[in-house]
């Protein structure tokens, strides 16, 4: 957090896809991302796979500092919930519909650098069912 500076929260998300077939290599899906911050360690389901998500979003702050998406929570096929390392602003929306065969794709909406404007980075994400 920048204090009086211009904050962004989530800048990107990666999906680490473990294949069901042990002979197939892992795939990493990295859609468009903002230029700030650094990647955290991956969060994984203890068993099973991701089936639904919820986003923590800060609403527009008017003349204040906007951050947009602040965190993600995911639900695993075994019922476990995992949560990223996010920032305190905003609130979680409802859970997405559950993907029977898991989540296997993601598309992000990212605002580019605004130079003298208010940077937000990741503004939205769509996850795709297998």
N, C-alpha and C. Protein backbone atom coordinates (compact mmCIF):
# COMPACT_ATOMS: atom_id res chain seq x y z
N UNK A 1 0.85 -1.18 0.00
CA UNK A 1 0.00 0.00 0.00
C UNK A 1 0.89 1.24 0.00
N UNK A 2 0.52 2.19 -0.81
CA UNK A 2 1.34 3.37 -1.04
C UNK A 2 1.08 4.51 -0.05
N UNK A 3 0.07 4.40 0.77
CA UNK A 3 -0.28 5.53 1.63
C UNK A 3 -0.92 6.62 0.81
N UNK A 4 -0.18 7.69 0.53
CA UNK A 4 -0.73 8.79 -0.26
C UNK A 4 -0.50 8.60 -1.76
N UNK A 5 0.17 7.52 -2.16
CA UNK A 5 0.44 7.26 -3.57
C UNK A 5 -0.74 6.60 -4.25
N UNK A 6 -0.52 6.18 -5.48
CA UNK A 6 -1.55 5.53 -6.29
C UNK A 6 -1.43 4.02 -6.14
N UNK A 7 -2.40 3.40 -5.47
CA UNK A 7 -2.37 1.95 -5.25
C UNK A 7 -3.02 1.20 -6.40
N UNK A 8 -2.49 0.01 -6.66
CA UNK A 8 -3.21 -1.01 -7.42
C UNK A 8 -3.29 -2.20 -6.49
N UNK A 9 -4.16 -3.14 -6.79
CA UNK A 9 -4.27 -4.35 -5.96
C UNK A 9 -3.83 -5.54 -6.81
N UNK A 10 -4.76 -6.39 -7.23
CA UNK A 10 -4.41 -7.53 -8.06
C UNK A 10 -3.99 -7.03 -9.44
N UNK A 11 -2.83 -7.46 -9.90
CA UNK A 11 -2.34 -7.10 -11.23
C UNK A 11 -2.46 -8.24 -12.21
N UNK A 12 -2.56 -9.47 -11.72
CA UNK A 12 -2.66 -10.61 -12.61
C UNK A 12 -3.02 -11.87 -11.85
N UNK A 13 -3.35 -12.90 -12.61
CA UNK A 13 -3.68 -14.20 -12.04
C UNK A 13 -3.15 -15.27 -12.98
N UNK A 14 -2.69 -16.36 -12.40
CA UNK A 14 -2.21 -17.50 -13.18
C UNK A 14 -2.97 -18.74 -12.76
N UNK A 15 -3.28 -19.59 -13.72
CA UNK A 15 -3.85 -20.90 -13.44
C UNK A 15 -2.76 -21.94 -13.71
N UNK A 16 -2.49 -22.78 -12.73
CA UNK A 16 -1.56 -23.90 -12.89
C UNK A 16 -2.41 -25.14 -13.08
N UNK A 17 -2.41 -25.67 -14.26
CA UNK A 17 -3.29 -26.80 -14.60
C UNK A 17 -2.51 -28.10 -14.55
N UNK A 18 -2.90 -28.95 -13.60
CA UNK A 18 -2.29 -30.27 -13.50
C UNK A 18 -3.11 -31.24 -14.32
N UNK A 19 -2.50 -31.94 -15.23
CA UNK A 19 -3.26 -32.88 -16.06
C UNK A 19 -3.66 -34.12 -15.26
N UNK A 20 -4.74 -34.73 -15.68
CA UNK A 20 -5.17 -35.98 -15.04
C UNK A 20 -4.23 -37.12 -15.42
N UNK A 21 -3.61 -37.01 -16.59
CA UNK A 21 -2.66 -37.99 -17.08
C UNK A 21 -1.26 -37.58 -16.61
N UNK A 22 -0.62 -38.40 -15.81
CA UNK A 22 0.68 -38.06 -15.23
C UNK A 22 1.77 -37.86 -16.29
N UNK A 23 1.57 -38.36 -17.50
CA UNK A 23 2.58 -38.23 -18.56
C UNK A 23 2.50 -36.90 -19.29
N UNK A 24 1.47 -36.10 -19.01
CA UNK A 24 1.28 -34.81 -19.67
C UNK A 24 1.85 -33.71 -18.78
N UNK A 25 2.65 -32.78 -19.34
CA UNK A 25 3.22 -31.72 -18.50
C UNK A 25 2.15 -30.72 -18.02
N UNK A 26 2.46 -30.08 -16.90
CA UNK A 26 1.59 -29.03 -16.35
C UNK A 26 1.52 -27.85 -17.32
N UNK A 27 0.36 -27.22 -17.40
CA UNK A 27 0.18 -26.03 -18.22
C UNK A 27 -0.05 -24.84 -17.30
N UNK A 28 0.59 -23.71 -17.62
CA UNK A 28 0.39 -22.48 -16.86
C UNK A 28 -0.30 -21.48 -17.77
N UNK A 29 -1.48 -21.01 -17.35
CA UNK A 29 -2.24 -20.03 -18.12
C UNK A 29 -2.06 -18.67 -17.47
N UNK A 30 -1.51 -17.72 -18.22
CA UNK A 30 -1.28 -16.36 -17.72
C UNK A 30 -1.89 -15.37 -18.70
N UNK A 31 -3.11 -14.90 -18.44
CA UNK A 31 -3.71 -13.90 -19.34
C UNK A 31 -3.06 -12.53 -19.13
N UNK A 32 -3.60 -11.51 -19.77
CA UNK A 32 -3.03 -10.16 -19.65
C UNK A 32 -2.94 -9.75 -18.18
N UNK A 33 -1.94 -8.93 -17.89
CA UNK A 33 -1.68 -8.54 -16.50
C UNK A 33 -1.16 -7.11 -16.44
N UNK A 34 -1.28 -6.51 -15.26
CA UNK A 34 -0.75 -5.18 -15.03
C UNK A 34 0.75 -5.23 -14.80
N UNK A 35 1.44 -4.08 -14.87
CA UNK A 35 2.90 -4.06 -14.78
C UNK A 35 3.48 -3.95 -13.37
N UNK A 36 2.64 -3.87 -12.34
CA UNK A 36 3.14 -3.62 -11.00
C UNK A 36 3.10 -4.88 -10.14
N UNK A 37 3.86 -4.86 -9.06
CA UNK A 37 3.80 -5.94 -8.08
C UNK A 37 4.65 -7.14 -8.46
N UNK A 38 4.47 -8.21 -7.70
CA UNK A 38 5.21 -9.45 -7.94
C UNK A 38 4.27 -10.63 -7.68
N UNK A 39 4.62 -11.78 -8.23
CA UNK A 39 3.79 -12.97 -8.07
C UNK A 39 3.98 -13.56 -6.68
N UNK A 40 2.89 -14.04 -6.10
CA UNK A 40 2.98 -14.79 -4.84
C UNK A 40 3.19 -16.26 -5.19
N UNK A 41 3.43 -17.07 -4.19
CA UNK A 41 3.50 -18.51 -4.42
C UNK A 41 2.12 -19.01 -4.82
N UNK A 42 2.06 -20.07 -5.62
CA UNK A 42 0.75 -20.59 -6.03
C UNK A 42 -0.04 -21.15 -4.84
N UNK A 43 -1.35 -21.02 -4.92
CA UNK A 43 -2.27 -21.64 -3.98
C UNK A 43 -2.92 -22.80 -4.72
N UNK A 44 -2.96 -23.97 -4.10
CA UNK A 44 -3.49 -25.15 -4.79
C UNK A 44 -4.50 -25.88 -3.92
N UNK A 45 -5.40 -26.58 -4.57
CA UNK A 45 -6.33 -27.46 -3.86
C UNK A 45 -5.52 -28.63 -3.30
N UNK A 46 -5.84 -29.06 -2.07
CA UNK A 46 -5.12 -30.19 -1.48
C UNK A 46 -5.38 -31.46 -2.27
N UNK A 47 -6.55 -31.55 -2.87
CA UNK A 47 -6.88 -32.62 -3.82
C UNK A 47 -7.99 -32.07 -4.71
N UNK A 48 -8.15 -32.64 -5.86
CA UNK A 48 -9.20 -32.18 -6.77
C UNK A 48 -8.75 -30.98 -7.58
N UNK A 49 -9.72 -30.10 -7.89
CA UNK A 49 -9.48 -29.01 -8.83
C UNK A 49 -10.43 -27.86 -8.53
N UNK A 50 -10.13 -26.68 -9.09
CA UNK A 50 -10.97 -25.49 -8.89
C UNK A 50 -12.31 -25.67 -9.59
N UNK A 51 -13.41 -25.31 -8.89
CA UNK A 51 -14.74 -25.42 -9.50
C UNK A 51 -15.53 -24.12 -9.49
N UNK A 52 -15.20 -23.16 -8.62
CA UNK A 52 -15.91 -21.88 -8.61
C UNK A 52 -15.02 -20.81 -7.96
N UNK A 53 -15.44 -19.55 -8.11
CA UNK A 53 -14.63 -18.45 -7.60
C UNK A 53 -15.51 -17.32 -7.10
N UNK A 54 -14.91 -16.43 -6.34
CA UNK A 54 -15.52 -15.19 -5.90
C UNK A 54 -14.44 -14.11 -5.94
N UNK A 55 -14.80 -12.92 -6.43
CA UNK A 55 -13.84 -11.81 -6.52
C UNK A 55 -14.14 -10.77 -5.46
N UNK A 56 -13.08 -10.24 -4.87
CA UNK A 56 -13.19 -9.12 -3.93
C UNK A 56 -12.90 -7.84 -4.72
N UNK A 57 -13.90 -6.97 -4.81
CA UNK A 57 -13.79 -5.78 -5.65
C UNK A 57 -14.10 -4.52 -4.84
N UNK A 58 -13.27 -3.51 -5.02
CA UNK A 58 -13.54 -2.21 -4.43
C UNK A 58 -14.34 -1.39 -5.44
N UNK A 59 -15.47 -0.82 -5.04
CA UNK A 59 -16.24 0.02 -5.98
C UNK A 59 -15.47 1.31 -6.29
N UNK A 60 -15.84 2.01 -7.36
CA UNK A 60 -15.19 3.27 -7.69
C UNK A 60 -15.21 4.24 -6.51
N UNK A 61 -14.09 4.93 -6.29
CA UNK A 61 -13.92 5.82 -5.15
C UNK A 61 -14.11 7.30 -5.48
N UNK A 62 -14.66 7.59 -6.65
CA UNK A 62 -14.83 8.99 -7.02
C UNK A 62 -13.48 9.66 -7.18
N UNK A 63 -13.22 10.67 -6.37
CA UNK A 63 -11.93 11.36 -6.45
C UNK A 63 -10.85 10.64 -5.64
N UNK A 64 -11.22 9.53 -4.96
CA UNK A 64 -10.24 8.76 -4.19
C UNK A 64 -9.45 7.80 -5.07
N UNK A 65 -8.62 7.00 -4.45
CA UNK A 65 -7.74 6.06 -5.14
C UNK A 65 -8.47 4.75 -5.42
N UNK A 66 -8.73 4.45 -6.68
CA UNK A 66 -9.40 3.21 -7.08
C UNK A 66 -8.39 2.06 -7.15
N UNK A 67 -8.83 0.86 -6.75
CA UNK A 67 -7.97 -0.32 -6.85
C UNK A 67 -8.63 -1.47 -7.61
N UNK A 68 -9.94 -1.46 -7.79
CA UNK A 68 -10.68 -2.51 -8.53
C UNK A 68 -10.58 -3.86 -7.83
N UNK A 69 -10.09 -4.91 -8.52
CA UNK A 69 -10.05 -6.26 -7.92
C UNK A 69 -8.94 -6.31 -6.87
N UNK A 70 -9.31 -6.74 -5.66
CA UNK A 70 -8.37 -6.81 -4.54
C UNK A 70 -7.98 -8.22 -4.14
N UNK A 71 -8.76 -9.24 -4.53
CA UNK A 71 -8.42 -10.61 -4.16
C UNK A 71 -9.37 -11.58 -4.85
N UNK A 72 -9.04 -12.87 -4.75
CA UNK A 72 -9.87 -13.95 -5.26
C UNK A 72 -9.98 -15.04 -4.20
N UNK A 73 -11.14 -15.69 -4.16
CA UNK A 73 -11.31 -16.93 -3.41
C UNK A 73 -11.74 -17.99 -4.43
N UNK A 74 -11.30 -19.21 -4.22
CA UNK A 74 -11.69 -20.32 -5.09
C UNK A 74 -12.23 -21.45 -4.23
N UNK A 75 -13.16 -22.19 -4.78
CA UNK A 75 -13.68 -23.40 -4.14
C UNK A 75 -13.17 -24.59 -4.96
N UNK A 76 -12.70 -25.59 -4.24
CA UNK A 76 -12.16 -26.79 -4.88
C UNK A 76 -13.24 -27.88 -4.94
N UNK A 77 -13.00 -28.86 -5.80
CA UNK A 77 -13.97 -29.96 -5.96
C UNK A 77 -14.12 -30.77 -4.68
N UNK A 78 -13.15 -30.72 -3.77
CA UNK A 78 -13.25 -31.43 -2.49
C UNK A 78 -13.91 -30.58 -1.41
N UNK A 79 -14.40 -29.37 -1.77
CA UNK A 79 -15.06 -28.48 -0.81
C UNK A 79 -14.14 -27.47 -0.15
N UNK A 80 -12.83 -27.64 -0.28
CA UNK A 80 -11.86 -26.71 0.29
C UNK A 80 -12.00 -25.33 -0.35
N UNK A 81 -11.81 -24.28 0.43
CA UNK A 81 -11.76 -22.92 -0.10
C UNK A 81 -10.35 -22.38 0.07
N UNK A 82 -9.82 -21.76 -0.98
CA UNK A 82 -8.50 -21.15 -0.91
C UNK A 82 -8.62 -19.68 -1.28
N UNK A 83 -7.82 -18.85 -0.63
CA UNK A 83 -7.90 -17.41 -0.82
C UNK A 83 -6.51 -16.85 -1.07
N UNK A 84 -6.41 -15.95 -2.04
CA UNK A 84 -5.14 -15.31 -2.35
C UNK A 84 -4.72 -14.34 -1.27
N UNK A 85 -3.53 -13.76 -1.47
CA UNK A 85 -3.01 -12.73 -0.58
C UNK A 85 -3.40 -11.40 -1.21
N UNK A 86 -4.48 -10.80 -0.76
CA UNK A 86 -4.97 -9.57 -1.37
C UNK A 86 -4.84 -8.38 -0.45
N UNK A 87 -5.54 -7.33 -0.80
CA UNK A 87 -5.55 -6.10 -0.01
C UNK A 87 -6.91 -5.95 0.68
N UNK A 88 -7.02 -5.04 1.66
CA UNK A 88 -8.21 -4.98 2.51
C UNK A 88 -9.43 -4.30 1.91
N UNK A 89 -9.31 -3.67 0.75
CA UNK A 89 -10.40 -2.85 0.25
C UNK A 89 -11.43 -3.67 -0.53
N UNK A 90 -12.67 -3.25 -0.44
CA UNK A 90 -13.74 -3.90 -1.19
C UNK A 90 -14.39 -5.04 -0.44
N UNK A 91 -15.25 -5.75 -1.13
CA UNK A 91 -15.95 -6.88 -0.54
C UNK A 91 -16.11 -7.97 -1.59
N UNK A 92 -16.31 -9.19 -1.10
CA UNK A 92 -16.47 -10.33 -2.00
C UNK A 92 -17.88 -10.36 -2.56
N UNK A 93 -17.97 -10.68 -3.83
CA UNK A 93 -19.25 -10.92 -4.47
C UNK A 93 -19.66 -12.36 -4.21
N UNK A 94 -20.78 -12.76 -4.78
CA UNK A 94 -21.24 -14.13 -4.64
C UNK A 94 -20.34 -15.11 -5.37
N UNK A 95 -20.55 -16.38 -5.08
CA UNK A 95 -19.79 -17.43 -5.75
C UNK A 95 -20.32 -17.63 -7.17
N UNK A 96 -19.42 -17.93 -8.07
CA UNK A 96 -19.82 -18.26 -9.45
C UNK A 96 -20.55 -19.60 -9.45
N UNK A 97 -21.22 -19.89 -10.56
CA UNK A 97 -21.76 -21.23 -10.75
C UNK A 97 -20.60 -22.22 -10.71
N UNK A 98 -20.88 -23.43 -10.26
CA UNK A 98 -19.85 -24.45 -10.15
C UNK A 98 -19.59 -25.12 -11.50
N UNK A 99 -18.33 -25.34 -11.82
CA UNK A 99 -17.92 -26.03 -13.05
C UNK A 99 -17.76 -27.51 -12.72
N UNK A 100 -18.62 -28.34 -13.25
CA UNK A 100 -18.61 -29.77 -12.95
C UNK A 100 -17.25 -30.41 -13.18
N UNK A 101 -16.62 -30.09 -14.30
CA UNK A 101 -15.32 -30.68 -14.65
C UNK A 101 -14.15 -29.76 -14.34
N UNK A 102 -14.39 -28.70 -13.61
CA UNK A 102 -13.32 -27.80 -13.20
C UNK A 102 -13.19 -26.55 -14.05
N UNK A 103 -12.40 -25.62 -13.54
CA UNK A 103 -12.06 -24.39 -14.26
C UNK A 103 -10.79 -24.68 -15.06
N UNK A 104 -10.80 -24.32 -16.34
CA UNK A 104 -9.60 -24.60 -17.15
C UNK A 104 -9.23 -23.43 -18.06
N UNK A 105 -9.76 -22.26 -17.80
CA UNK A 105 -9.39 -21.09 -18.59
C UNK A 105 -9.76 -19.81 -17.88
N UNK A 106 -9.08 -18.72 -18.24
CA UNK A 106 -9.36 -17.42 -17.64
C UNK A 106 -9.05 -16.33 -18.65
N UNK A 107 -9.87 -15.30 -18.62
CA UNK A 107 -9.66 -14.09 -19.42
C UNK A 107 -9.75 -12.91 -18.46
N UNK A 108 -8.81 -11.97 -18.56
CA UNK A 108 -8.81 -10.84 -17.65
C UNK A 108 -9.02 -9.52 -18.39
N UNK A 109 -9.54 -8.55 -17.66
CA UNK A 109 -9.69 -7.18 -18.16
C UNK A 109 -8.73 -6.33 -17.33
N UNK A 110 -7.72 -5.78 -17.99
CA UNK A 110 -6.66 -5.04 -17.29
C UNK A 110 -6.57 -3.63 -17.85
N UNK A 111 -6.59 -2.65 -16.95
CA UNK A 111 -6.38 -1.26 -17.35
C UNK A 111 -4.87 -1.00 -17.41
N UNK A 112 -4.42 -0.44 -18.51
CA UNK A 112 -3.01 -0.10 -18.65
C UNK A 112 -2.64 1.11 -17.80
N UNK A 113 -1.33 1.40 -17.71
CA UNK A 113 -0.88 2.56 -16.94
C UNK A 113 -1.53 3.86 -17.41
N UNK A 114 -1.97 4.67 -16.45
CA UNK A 114 -2.69 5.91 -16.75
C UNK A 114 -1.81 7.15 -16.69
N UNK A 115 -0.50 6.95 -16.57
CA UNK A 115 0.46 8.06 -16.46
C UNK A 115 0.10 8.96 -15.29
N UNK A 116 -0.63 10.03 -15.50
CA UNK A 116 -0.97 10.93 -14.40
C UNK A 116 -2.34 10.64 -13.82
N UNK A 117 -3.02 9.60 -14.32
CA UNK A 117 -4.34 9.24 -13.81
C UNK A 117 -4.26 8.20 -12.71
N UNK A 118 -5.40 7.62 -12.37
CA UNK A 118 -5.53 6.65 -11.29
C UNK A 118 -5.39 5.24 -11.86
N UNK A 119 -4.34 4.53 -11.50
CA UNK A 119 -4.12 3.16 -11.99
C UNK A 119 -4.91 2.16 -11.16
N UNK A 120 -5.51 1.18 -11.84
CA UNK A 120 -6.23 0.12 -11.14
C UNK A 120 -5.71 -1.27 -11.46
N UNK A 121 -5.11 -1.51 -12.60
CA UNK A 121 -4.61 -2.82 -13.05
C UNK A 121 -5.78 -3.76 -13.36
N UNK A 122 -5.92 -4.89 -12.64
CA UNK A 122 -6.94 -5.88 -12.99
C UNK A 122 -8.33 -5.40 -12.57
N UNK A 123 -9.24 -5.34 -13.53
CA UNK A 123 -10.60 -4.84 -13.28
C UNK A 123 -11.66 -5.93 -13.29
N UNK A 124 -11.40 -7.05 -13.95
CA UNK A 124 -12.42 -8.11 -14.05
C UNK A 124 -11.75 -9.38 -14.54
N UNK A 125 -12.40 -10.51 -14.31
CA UNK A 125 -11.92 -11.79 -14.80
C UNK A 125 -13.12 -12.68 -15.13
N UNK A 126 -12.97 -13.45 -16.18
CA UNK A 126 -13.96 -14.46 -16.56
C UNK A 126 -13.23 -15.80 -16.54
N UNK A 127 -13.79 -16.76 -15.82
CA UNK A 127 -13.22 -18.10 -15.78
C UNK A 127 -14.08 -19.03 -16.61
N UNK A 128 -13.44 -19.97 -17.28
CA UNK A 128 -14.13 -20.87 -18.19
C UNK A 128 -14.11 -22.29 -17.65
N UNK A 129 -15.25 -22.96 -17.78
CA UNK A 129 -15.36 -24.36 -17.37
C UNK A 129 -14.78 -25.27 -18.45
N UNK A 130 -14.24 -26.41 -18.02
CA UNK A 130 -13.70 -27.41 -18.95
C UNK A 130 -14.83 -28.07 -19.73
